[in-house]
Amino acid sequence: MTRKGRRLVMIGAGVGVLGLAAALILSALNDTIVFFRTPTEVAQQQVVPGTRLRLGGLVETGSVAKAGTLTTFAVTDGNAAVKVSYSGILPDLFREGQGVVAEGALQPDGSFKADSVLAKHDERYMPREVADALKAQGVWKEGDRAPGTAAGGPTPVRAPGS
């Protein structure tokens, strides 16, 4: 075999090994790549109790109950709901009807014990730069309500130097 032939075989073998390694890594991370699971997905996948996961959805209206630092509420996606219990201080943005992501473990009774709760911004929130770009394109007009802001209110203030 010539020197050029050996070099091509070595390059081909290296690319094959790298491809196999990438495929193995992606298949191992397949279940953990998801940012959160919805209550419907938790019900359909029959998640084993004790499994750590992130549960995401909306806080169901009328489901929030507080007793000291213990808060119970239901997270729903419109189709299914999961009862969540959390002991600690909730984020300022936490409220009924608001998006939330709770990280914790599923309990044997089907409820969810969270050790952290993240309240999400309204999905219609729009940074100033995006609003300005949409105005420049004529898609969004000054009189329209900016998503994520009060009617006629200013867009969120940027930090100094940004």
N, C-alpha and C. Protein backbone atom coordinates (compact mmCIF):
# COMPACT_ATOMS: atom_id res chain seq x y z
N MET A 1 0.86 -1.18 0.00
CA MET A 1 0.00 0.00 0.00
C MET A 1 0.90 1.24 0.00
N THR A 2 0.51 2.22 -0.76
CA THR A 2 1.31 3.42 -0.85
C THR A 2 1.08 4.33 0.35
N ARG A 3 1.94 5.30 0.46
CA ARG A 3 1.84 6.26 1.56
C ARG A 3 0.52 7.02 1.51
N LYS A 4 0.08 7.40 0.33
CA LYS A 4 -1.19 8.11 0.15
C LYS A 4 -2.37 7.23 0.54
N GLY A 5 -2.32 5.98 0.20
CA GLY A 5 -3.39 5.03 0.53
C GLY A 5 -3.50 4.83 2.04
N ARG A 6 -2.35 4.70 2.74
CA ARG A 6 -2.37 4.54 4.19
C ARG A 6 -2.94 5.79 4.87
N ARG A 7 -2.59 6.94 4.35
CA ARG A 7 -3.10 8.20 4.92
C ARG A 7 -4.62 8.28 4.78
N LEU A 8 -5.16 7.89 3.63
CA LEU A 8 -6.60 7.90 3.42
C LEU A 8 -7.30 6.91 4.34
N VAL A 9 -6.71 5.75 4.56
CA VAL A 9 -7.29 4.76 5.46
C VAL A 9 -7.31 5.29 6.88
N MET A 10 -6.25 5.94 7.32
CA MET A 10 -6.17 6.51 8.67
C MET A 10 -7.20 7.63 8.85
N ILE A 11 -7.34 8.48 7.86
CA ILE A 11 -8.33 9.57 7.94
C ILE A 11 -9.73 8.99 7.98
N GLY A 12 -10.01 8.00 7.14
CA GLY A 12 -11.32 7.36 7.13
C GLY A 12 -11.64 6.68 8.46
N ALA A 13 -10.66 6.00 9.04
CA ALA A 13 -10.86 5.34 10.34
C ALA A 13 -11.10 6.38 11.43
N GLY A 14 -10.38 7.49 11.39
CA GLY A 14 -10.56 8.56 12.39
C GLY A 14 -11.95 9.18 12.30
N VAL A 15 -12.42 9.44 11.10
CA VAL A 15 -13.77 9.99 10.91
C VAL A 15 -14.82 8.99 11.39
N GLY A 16 -14.61 7.72 11.12
CA GLY A 16 -15.55 6.70 11.56
C GLY A 16 -15.62 6.61 13.08
N VAL A 17 -14.46 6.67 13.75
CA VAL A 17 -14.43 6.62 15.22
C VAL A 17 -15.11 7.85 15.80
N LEU A 18 -14.85 9.02 15.26
CA LEU A 18 -15.50 10.25 15.74
C LEU A 18 -17.01 10.20 15.52
N GLY A 19 -17.46 9.67 14.40
CA GLY A 19 -18.89 9.54 14.14
C GLY A 19 -19.55 8.58 15.11
N LEU A 20 -18.89 7.46 15.39
CA LEU A 20 -19.42 6.49 16.35
C LEU A 20 -19.49 7.10 17.75
N ALA A 21 -18.46 7.84 18.16
CA ALA A 21 -18.46 8.48 19.48
C ALA A 21 -19.59 9.50 19.58
N ALA A 22 -19.78 10.30 18.54
CA ALA A 22 -20.87 11.30 18.56
C ALA A 22 -22.23 10.62 18.65
N ALA A 23 -22.42 9.53 17.92
CA ALA A 23 -23.70 8.80 17.95
C ALA A 23 -23.95 8.22 19.34
N LEU A 24 -22.93 7.67 19.98
CA LEU A 24 -23.09 7.11 21.32
C LEU A 24 -23.42 8.20 22.34
N ILE A 25 -22.77 9.33 22.26
CA ILE A 25 -23.04 10.44 23.19
C ILE A 25 -24.46 10.95 23.02
N LEU A 26 -24.89 11.16 21.78
CA LEU A 26 -26.25 11.66 21.54
C LEU A 26 -27.31 10.66 21.98
N SER A 27 -27.07 9.37 21.78
CA SER A 27 -28.07 8.39 22.22
C SER A 27 -28.11 8.30 23.75
N ALA A 28 -26.99 8.50 24.44
CA ALA A 28 -26.97 8.47 25.90
C ALA A 28 -27.68 9.69 26.48
N LEU A 29 -27.61 10.81 25.79
CA LEU A 29 -28.22 12.05 26.28
C LEU A 29 -29.65 12.24 25.78
N ASN A 30 -30.18 11.29 25.06
CA ASN A 30 -31.49 11.43 24.43
C ASN A 30 -32.59 11.85 25.40
N ASP A 31 -32.66 11.24 26.58
CA ASP A 31 -33.72 11.55 27.54
C ASP A 31 -33.45 12.81 28.34
N THR A 32 -32.20 13.21 28.48
CA THR A 32 -31.88 14.37 29.31
C THR A 32 -31.80 15.67 28.52
N ILE A 33 -31.91 15.62 27.21
CA ILE A 33 -31.84 16.83 26.40
C ILE A 33 -33.10 17.67 26.57
N VAL A 34 -34.22 17.07 26.89
CA VAL A 34 -35.49 17.77 27.05
C VAL A 34 -35.38 18.72 28.23
N PHE A 35 -35.79 19.98 28.06
CA PHE A 35 -35.71 20.96 29.13
C PHE A 35 -36.70 20.66 30.25
N PHE A 36 -37.89 20.25 29.89
CA PHE A 36 -38.89 19.86 30.89
C PHE A 36 -39.93 18.97 30.23
N ARG A 37 -40.69 18.29 31.07
CA ARG A 37 -41.78 17.46 30.59
C ARG A 37 -43.10 18.07 31.03
N THR A 38 -44.11 17.94 30.21
CA THR A 38 -45.43 18.46 30.54
C THR A 38 -46.18 17.39 31.35
N PRO A 39 -47.25 17.78 32.06
CA PRO A 39 -48.03 16.78 32.79
C PRO A 39 -48.57 15.66 31.89
N THR A 40 -48.95 15.97 30.67
CA THR A 40 -49.42 14.95 29.74
C THR A 40 -48.31 13.95 29.43
N GLU A 41 -47.10 14.44 29.18
CA GLU A 41 -45.97 13.55 28.89
C GLU A 41 -45.65 12.67 30.09
N VAL A 42 -45.74 13.23 31.31
CA VAL A 42 -45.48 12.44 32.52
C VAL A 42 -46.50 11.31 32.63
N ALA A 43 -47.77 11.61 32.33
CA ALA A 43 -48.82 10.59 32.41
C ALA A 43 -48.66 9.54 31.32
N GLN A 44 -48.34 9.95 30.09
CA GLN A 44 -48.22 9.02 28.98
C GLN A 44 -46.99 8.13 29.09
N GLN A 45 -45.89 8.69 29.58
CA GLN A 45 -44.64 7.92 29.65
C GLN A 45 -44.56 7.06 30.90
N GLN A 46 -45.54 7.17 31.79
CA GLN A 46 -45.57 6.40 33.02
C GLN A 46 -44.21 6.44 33.72
N VAL A 47 -43.80 7.65 34.10
CA VAL A 47 -42.51 7.88 34.74
C VAL A 47 -42.46 7.13 36.07
N VAL A 48 -41.35 6.47 36.34
CA VAL A 48 -41.15 5.70 37.56
C VAL A 48 -41.03 6.65 38.75
N PRO A 49 -41.75 6.39 39.86
CA PRO A 49 -41.62 7.25 41.05
C PRO A 49 -40.17 7.31 41.52
N GLY A 50 -39.76 8.50 41.96
CA GLY A 50 -38.38 8.72 42.39
C GLY A 50 -37.50 9.27 41.29
N THR A 51 -37.99 9.25 40.05
CA THR A 51 -37.22 9.77 38.92
C THR A 51 -37.15 11.29 39.01
N ARG A 52 -35.93 11.84 38.90
CA ARG A 52 -35.76 13.30 38.90
C ARG A 52 -36.05 13.83 37.51
N LEU A 53 -36.82 14.90 37.46
CA LEU A 53 -37.14 15.53 36.18
C LEU A 53 -37.58 16.96 36.41
N ARG A 54 -37.77 17.65 35.32
CA ARG A 54 -38.32 19.01 35.35
C ARG A 54 -39.74 18.93 34.80
N LEU A 55 -40.66 19.51 35.54
CA LEU A 55 -42.07 19.52 35.16
C LEU A 55 -42.44 20.94 34.78
N GLY A 56 -42.96 21.13 33.58
CA GLY A 56 -43.29 22.47 33.12
C GLY A 56 -44.72 22.59 32.67
N GLY A 57 -45.29 23.77 32.88
CA GLY A 57 -46.65 24.04 32.46
C GLY A 57 -47.14 25.32 33.11
N LEU A 58 -48.44 25.46 33.23
CA LEU A 58 -49.05 26.63 33.85
C LEU A 58 -49.56 26.27 35.23
N VAL A 59 -49.46 27.21 36.18
CA VAL A 59 -50.02 27.00 37.50
C VAL A 59 -51.54 27.07 37.35
N GLU A 60 -52.21 25.99 37.73
CA GLU A 60 -53.65 25.90 37.57
C GLU A 60 -54.36 26.91 38.47
N THR A 61 -55.33 27.62 37.90
CA THR A 61 -56.09 28.62 38.64
C THR A 61 -56.86 27.96 39.78
N GLY A 62 -56.74 28.55 40.97
CA GLY A 62 -57.45 28.06 42.14
C GLY A 62 -56.78 26.89 42.85
N SER A 63 -55.57 26.52 42.44
CA SER A 63 -54.93 25.34 43.03
C SER A 63 -53.86 25.68 44.06
N VAL A 64 -53.50 26.95 44.20
CA VAL A 64 -52.41 27.32 45.11
C VAL A 64 -52.91 27.34 46.55
N ALA A 65 -52.20 26.60 47.43
CA ALA A 65 -52.52 26.58 48.86
C ALA A 65 -51.21 26.70 49.62
N LYS A 66 -51.15 27.63 50.58
CA LYS A 66 -49.94 27.85 51.36
C LYS A 66 -50.18 27.52 52.82
N ALA A 67 -49.19 26.88 53.44
CA ALA A 67 -49.21 26.60 54.86
C ALA A 67 -47.78 26.82 55.37
N GLY A 68 -47.52 28.04 55.83
CA GLY A 68 -46.15 28.39 56.22
C GLY A 68 -45.27 28.50 54.99
N THR A 69 -44.17 27.73 54.98
CA THR A 69 -43.30 27.74 53.81
C THR A 69 -43.67 26.66 52.80
N LEU A 70 -44.61 25.76 53.17
CA LEU A 70 -45.05 24.71 52.25
C LEU A 70 -46.14 25.25 51.33
N THR A 71 -45.93 25.12 50.05
CA THR A 71 -46.90 25.54 49.05
C THR A 71 -47.26 24.35 48.18
N THR A 72 -48.54 24.15 47.98
CA THR A 72 -48.99 23.12 47.04
C THR A 72 -49.77 23.80 45.93
N PHE A 73 -49.59 23.28 44.73
CA PHE A 73 -50.29 23.82 43.56
C PHE A 73 -50.31 22.75 42.50
N ALA A 74 -51.08 22.96 41.47
CA ALA A 74 -51.16 22.01 40.36
C ALA A 74 -50.56 22.66 39.11
N VAL A 75 -49.78 21.89 38.38
CA VAL A 75 -49.22 22.32 37.11
C VAL A 75 -50.00 21.62 36.02
N THR A 76 -50.49 22.39 35.06
CA THR A 76 -51.31 21.83 33.99
C THR A 76 -50.81 22.28 32.62
N ASP A 77 -51.14 21.48 31.63
CA ASP A 77 -50.86 21.86 30.24
C ASP A 77 -52.15 21.93 29.44
N GLY A 78 -53.28 21.92 30.15
CA GLY A 78 -54.57 21.97 29.50
C GLY A 78 -55.21 20.60 29.35
N ASN A 79 -54.40 19.56 29.29
CA ASN A 79 -54.92 18.20 29.16
C ASN A 79 -54.85 17.43 30.46
N ALA A 80 -53.75 17.58 31.17
CA ALA A 80 -53.53 16.85 32.42
C ALA A 80 -52.96 17.81 33.44
N ALA A 81 -53.02 17.42 34.72
CA ALA A 81 -52.47 18.24 35.80
C ALA A 81 -51.73 17.34 36.77
N VAL A 82 -50.66 17.87 37.37
CA VAL A 82 -49.90 17.16 38.38
C VAL A 82 -49.83 18.04 39.61
N LYS A 83 -50.15 17.47 40.78
CA LYS A 83 -50.10 18.20 42.03
C LYS A 83 -48.63 18.31 42.46
N VAL A 84 -48.20 19.52 42.81
CA VAL A 84 -46.81 19.80 43.17
C VAL A 84 -46.77 20.33 44.59
N SER A 85 -45.79 19.88 45.37
CA SER A 85 -45.56 20.46 46.69
C SER A 85 -44.14 21.00 46.72
N TYR A 86 -43.99 22.19 47.32
CA TYR A 86 -42.70 22.87 47.37
C TYR A 86 -42.56 23.54 48.72
N SER A 87 -41.43 23.33 49.36
CA SER A 87 -41.15 23.97 50.64
C SER A 87 -40.04 24.98 50.43
N GLY A 88 -40.35 26.24 50.60
CA GLY A 88 -39.37 27.30 50.40
C GLY A 88 -40.03 28.57 49.92
N ILE A 89 -39.19 29.52 49.56
CA ILE A 89 -39.68 30.81 49.08
C ILE A 89 -39.86 30.72 47.57
N LEU A 90 -41.03 31.08 47.11
CA LEU A 90 -41.35 31.04 45.68
C LEU A 90 -40.82 32.29 44.99
N PRO A 91 -40.52 32.21 43.69
CA PRO A 91 -40.08 33.38 42.93
C PRO A 91 -41.17 34.46 42.87
N ASP A 92 -40.75 35.70 42.67
CA ASP A 92 -41.70 36.81 42.60
C ASP A 92 -42.70 36.67 41.46
N LEU A 93 -42.30 36.06 40.35
CA LEU A 93 -43.17 35.93 39.19
C LEU A 93 -44.17 34.77 39.32
N PHE A 94 -44.10 34.01 40.41
CA PHE A 94 -45.00 32.87 40.60
C PHE A 94 -46.40 33.36 40.90
N ARG A 95 -47.37 32.90 40.10
CA ARG A 95 -48.79 33.20 40.33
C ARG A 95 -49.63 32.27 39.49
N GLU A 96 -50.91 32.21 39.81
CA GLU A 96 -51.83 31.35 39.07
C GLU A 96 -51.90 31.80 37.62
N GLY A 97 -51.93 30.83 36.72
CA GLY A 97 -52.01 31.12 35.29
C GLY A 97 -50.67 31.44 34.66
N GLN A 98 -49.61 31.51 35.45
CA GLN A 98 -48.28 31.86 34.96
C GLN A 98 -47.50 30.58 34.66
N GLY A 99 -46.58 30.65 33.70
CA GLY A 99 -45.74 29.51 33.37
C GLY A 99 -44.76 29.22 34.49
N VAL A 100 -44.49 27.93 34.72
CA VAL A 100 -43.60 27.53 35.80
C VAL A 100 -42.86 26.26 35.39
N VAL A 101 -41.63 26.12 35.87
CA VAL A 101 -40.86 24.89 35.70
C VAL A 101 -40.42 24.48 37.10
N ALA A 102 -40.83 23.29 37.52
CA ALA A 102 -40.47 22.76 38.84
C ALA A 102 -39.51 21.59 38.65
N GLU A 103 -38.42 21.61 39.42
CA GLU A 103 -37.44 20.54 39.34
C GLU A 103 -37.51 19.72 40.61
N GLY A 104 -37.61 18.41 40.47
CA GLY A 104 -37.72 17.55 41.64
C GLY A 104 -37.94 16.12 41.24
N ALA A 105 -38.73 15.39 42.07
CA ALA A 105 -38.93 13.97 41.83
C ALA A 105 -40.42 13.62 41.92
N LEU A 106 -40.82 12.67 41.12
CA LEU A 106 -42.18 12.17 41.13
C LEU A 106 -42.34 11.23 42.33
N GLN A 107 -43.44 11.36 43.06
CA GLN A 107 -43.72 10.57 44.25
C GLN A 107 -44.56 9.34 43.88
N PRO A 108 -44.57 8.32 44.75
CA PRO A 108 -45.35 7.10 44.45
C PRO A 108 -46.85 7.36 44.27
N ASP A 109 -47.40 8.40 44.93
CA ASP A 109 -48.83 8.69 44.80
C ASP A 109 -49.16 9.50 43.55
N GLY A 110 -48.16 9.79 42.71
CA GLY A 110 -48.39 10.54 41.47
C GLY A 110 -48.18 12.03 41.60
N SER A 111 -47.95 12.51 42.82
CA SER A 111 -47.68 13.93 43.01
C SER A 111 -46.20 14.20 42.73
N PHE A 112 -45.82 15.44 42.77
CA PHE A 112 -44.46 15.85 42.44
C PHE A 112 -43.90 16.68 43.58
N LYS A 113 -42.76 16.28 44.13
CA LYS A 113 -42.10 17.04 45.20
C LYS A 113 -40.97 17.83 44.57
N ALA A 114 -41.12 19.15 44.56
CA ALA A 114 -40.15 20.02 43.92
C ALA A 114 -39.12 20.52 44.92
N ASP A 115 -37.85 20.59 44.47
CA ASP A 115 -36.85 21.24 45.30
C ASP A 115 -36.44 22.60 44.76
N SER A 116 -36.89 22.93 43.56
CA SER A 116 -36.72 24.29 43.04
C SER A 116 -37.88 24.59 42.09
N VAL A 117 -38.29 25.84 42.10
CA VAL A 117 -39.39 26.30 41.25
C VAL A 117 -38.91 27.54 40.52
N LEU A 118 -39.06 27.53 39.21
CA LEU A 118 -38.69 28.68 38.37
C LEU A 118 -39.94 29.21 37.71
N ALA A 119 -40.22 30.49 37.90
CA ALA A 119 -41.36 31.11 37.21
C ALA A 119 -40.86 31.66 35.89
N LYS A 120 -41.60 31.40 34.84
CA LYS A 120 -41.18 31.83 33.52
C LYS A 120 -41.84 33.15 33.16
N HIS A 121 -41.12 33.93 32.34
CA HIS A 121 -41.72 35.14 31.79
C HIS A 121 -42.85 34.76 30.88
N ASP A 122 -43.73 35.68 30.65
CA ASP A 122 -44.79 35.48 29.68
C ASP A 122 -44.15 35.14 28.34
N GLU A 123 -44.69 34.14 27.65
CA GLU A 123 -44.10 33.75 26.37
C GLU A 123 -44.19 34.85 25.33
N ARG A 124 -44.96 35.88 25.60
CA ARG A 124 -45.07 36.99 24.66
C ARG A 124 -44.09 38.10 24.99
N TYR A 125 -43.25 37.94 26.03
CA TYR A 125 -42.24 38.94 26.39
C TYR A 125 -41.34 39.21 25.20
N MET A 126 -41.00 40.48 25.01
CA MET A 126 -40.18 40.83 23.87
C MET A 126 -39.12 41.86 24.28
N PRO A 127 -37.84 41.55 24.11
CA PRO A 127 -36.80 42.53 24.40
C PRO A 127 -36.93 43.76 23.51
N ARG A 128 -36.38 44.88 23.98
CA ARG A 128 -36.46 46.14 23.25
C ARG A 128 -35.91 46.03 21.83
N GLU A 129 -34.78 45.31 21.67
CA GLU A 129 -34.16 45.20 20.35
C GLU A 129 -35.09 44.50 19.35
N VAL A 130 -35.79 43.46 19.81
CA VAL A 130 -36.70 42.74 18.92
C VAL A 130 -37.89 43.64 18.56
N ALA A 131 -38.42 44.36 19.55
CA ALA A 131 -39.54 45.27 19.29
C ALA A 131 -39.11 46.34 18.28
N ASP A 132 -37.91 46.88 18.44
CA ASP A 132 -37.41 47.90 17.51
C ASP A 132 -37.25 47.33 16.10
N ALA A 133 -36.76 46.09 16.00
CA ALA A 133 -36.59 45.46 14.69
C ALA A 133 -37.95 45.24 14.02
N LEU A 134 -38.95 44.80 14.81
CA LEU A 134 -40.29 44.59 14.24
C LEU A 134 -40.93 45.91 13.81
N LYS A 135 -40.66 46.97 14.58
CA LYS A 135 -41.17 48.29 14.18
C LYS A 135 -40.55 48.72 12.86
N ALA A 136 -39.23 48.50 12.72
CA ALA A 136 -38.53 48.89 11.49
C ALA A 136 -39.06 48.12 10.28
N GLN A 137 -39.49 46.88 10.49
CA GLN A 137 -40.03 46.07 9.39
C GLN A 137 -41.49 46.36 9.13
N GLY A 138 -42.12 47.14 10.01
CA GLY A 138 -43.53 47.47 9.84
C GLY A 138 -44.47 46.39 10.35
N VAL A 139 -43.94 45.38 11.06
CA VAL A 139 -44.77 44.29 11.58
C VAL A 139 -45.49 44.73 12.85
N TRP A 140 -44.82 45.53 13.67
CA TRP A 140 -45.40 45.97 14.94
C TRP A 140 -45.44 47.49 14.94
N LYS A 141 -46.58 48.05 15.32
CA LYS A 141 -46.75 49.51 15.30
C LYS A 141 -46.69 50.05 16.71
N GLU A 142 -46.34 51.31 16.84
CA GLU A 142 -46.15 51.95 18.15
C GLU A 142 -47.40 51.87 19.01
N GLY A 143 -48.58 51.95 18.43
CA GLY A 143 -49.82 51.92 19.21
C GLY A 143 -50.18 50.54 19.72
N ASP A 144 -49.59 49.49 19.14
CA ASP A 144 -49.89 48.13 19.57
C ASP A 144 -49.30 47.88 20.95
N ARG A 145 -49.92 46.97 21.68
CA ARG A 145 -49.40 46.60 22.98
C ARG A 145 -48.18 45.71 22.78
N ALA A 146 -47.08 46.10 23.37
CA ALA A 146 -45.87 45.28 23.29
C ALA A 146 -46.08 44.02 24.11
N PRO A 147 -45.88 42.86 23.54
CA PRO A 147 -46.07 41.64 24.30
C PRO A 147 -45.21 41.63 25.56
N GLY A 148 -45.82 41.25 26.68
CA GLY A 148 -45.09 41.17 27.94
C GLY A 148 -45.04 42.47 28.70
N THR A 149 -45.68 43.54 28.19
CA THR A 149 -45.69 44.81 28.89
C THR A 149 -47.13 45.23 29.11
N ALA A 150 -47.31 46.17 30.02
CA ALA A 150 -48.65 46.70 30.26
C ALA A 150 -49.07 47.52 29.06
N ALA A 151 -50.35 47.66 28.85
CA ALA A 151 -50.84 48.41 27.70
C ALA A 151 -50.28 49.81 27.72
N GLY A 152 -49.56 50.17 26.67
CA GLY A 152 -48.99 51.50 26.56
C GLY A 152 -47.76 51.70 27.42
N GLY A 153 -47.34 50.67 28.15
CA GLY A 153 -46.20 50.80 29.05
C GLY A 153 -44.89 50.64 28.31
N PRO A 154 -43.81 50.99 28.97
CA PRO A 154 -42.51 50.90 28.32
C PRO A 154 -42.05 49.45 28.21
N THR A 155 -41.13 49.20 27.28
CA THR A 155 -40.52 47.89 27.21
C THR A 155 -39.52 47.78 28.35
N PRO A 156 -39.10 46.57 28.72
CA PRO A 156 -38.19 46.40 29.85
C PRO A 156 -36.92 47.22 29.71
N VAL A 157 -36.43 47.73 30.81
CA VAL A 157 -35.22 48.55 30.83
C VAL A 157 -34.00 47.66 30.77
N ARG A 158 -33.01 48.06 29.94
CA ARG A 158 -31.79 47.30 29.84
C ARG A 158 -30.84 47.71 30.94
N ALA A 159 -29.94 46.81 31.30
CA ALA A 159 -28.92 47.11 32.30
C ALA A 159 -27.93 48.10 31.72
N PRO A 160 -27.33 48.97 32.55
CA PRO A 160 -26.34 49.93 32.04
C PRO A 160 -25.19 49.22 31.34
N GLY A 161 -24.77 49.76 30.24
CA GLY A 161 -23.64 49.20 29.49
C GLY A 161 -24.03 48.11 28.52
N SER A 162 -25.33 47.77 28.43
CA SER A 162 -25.72 46.71 27.48
C SER A 162 -26.38 47.29 26.27
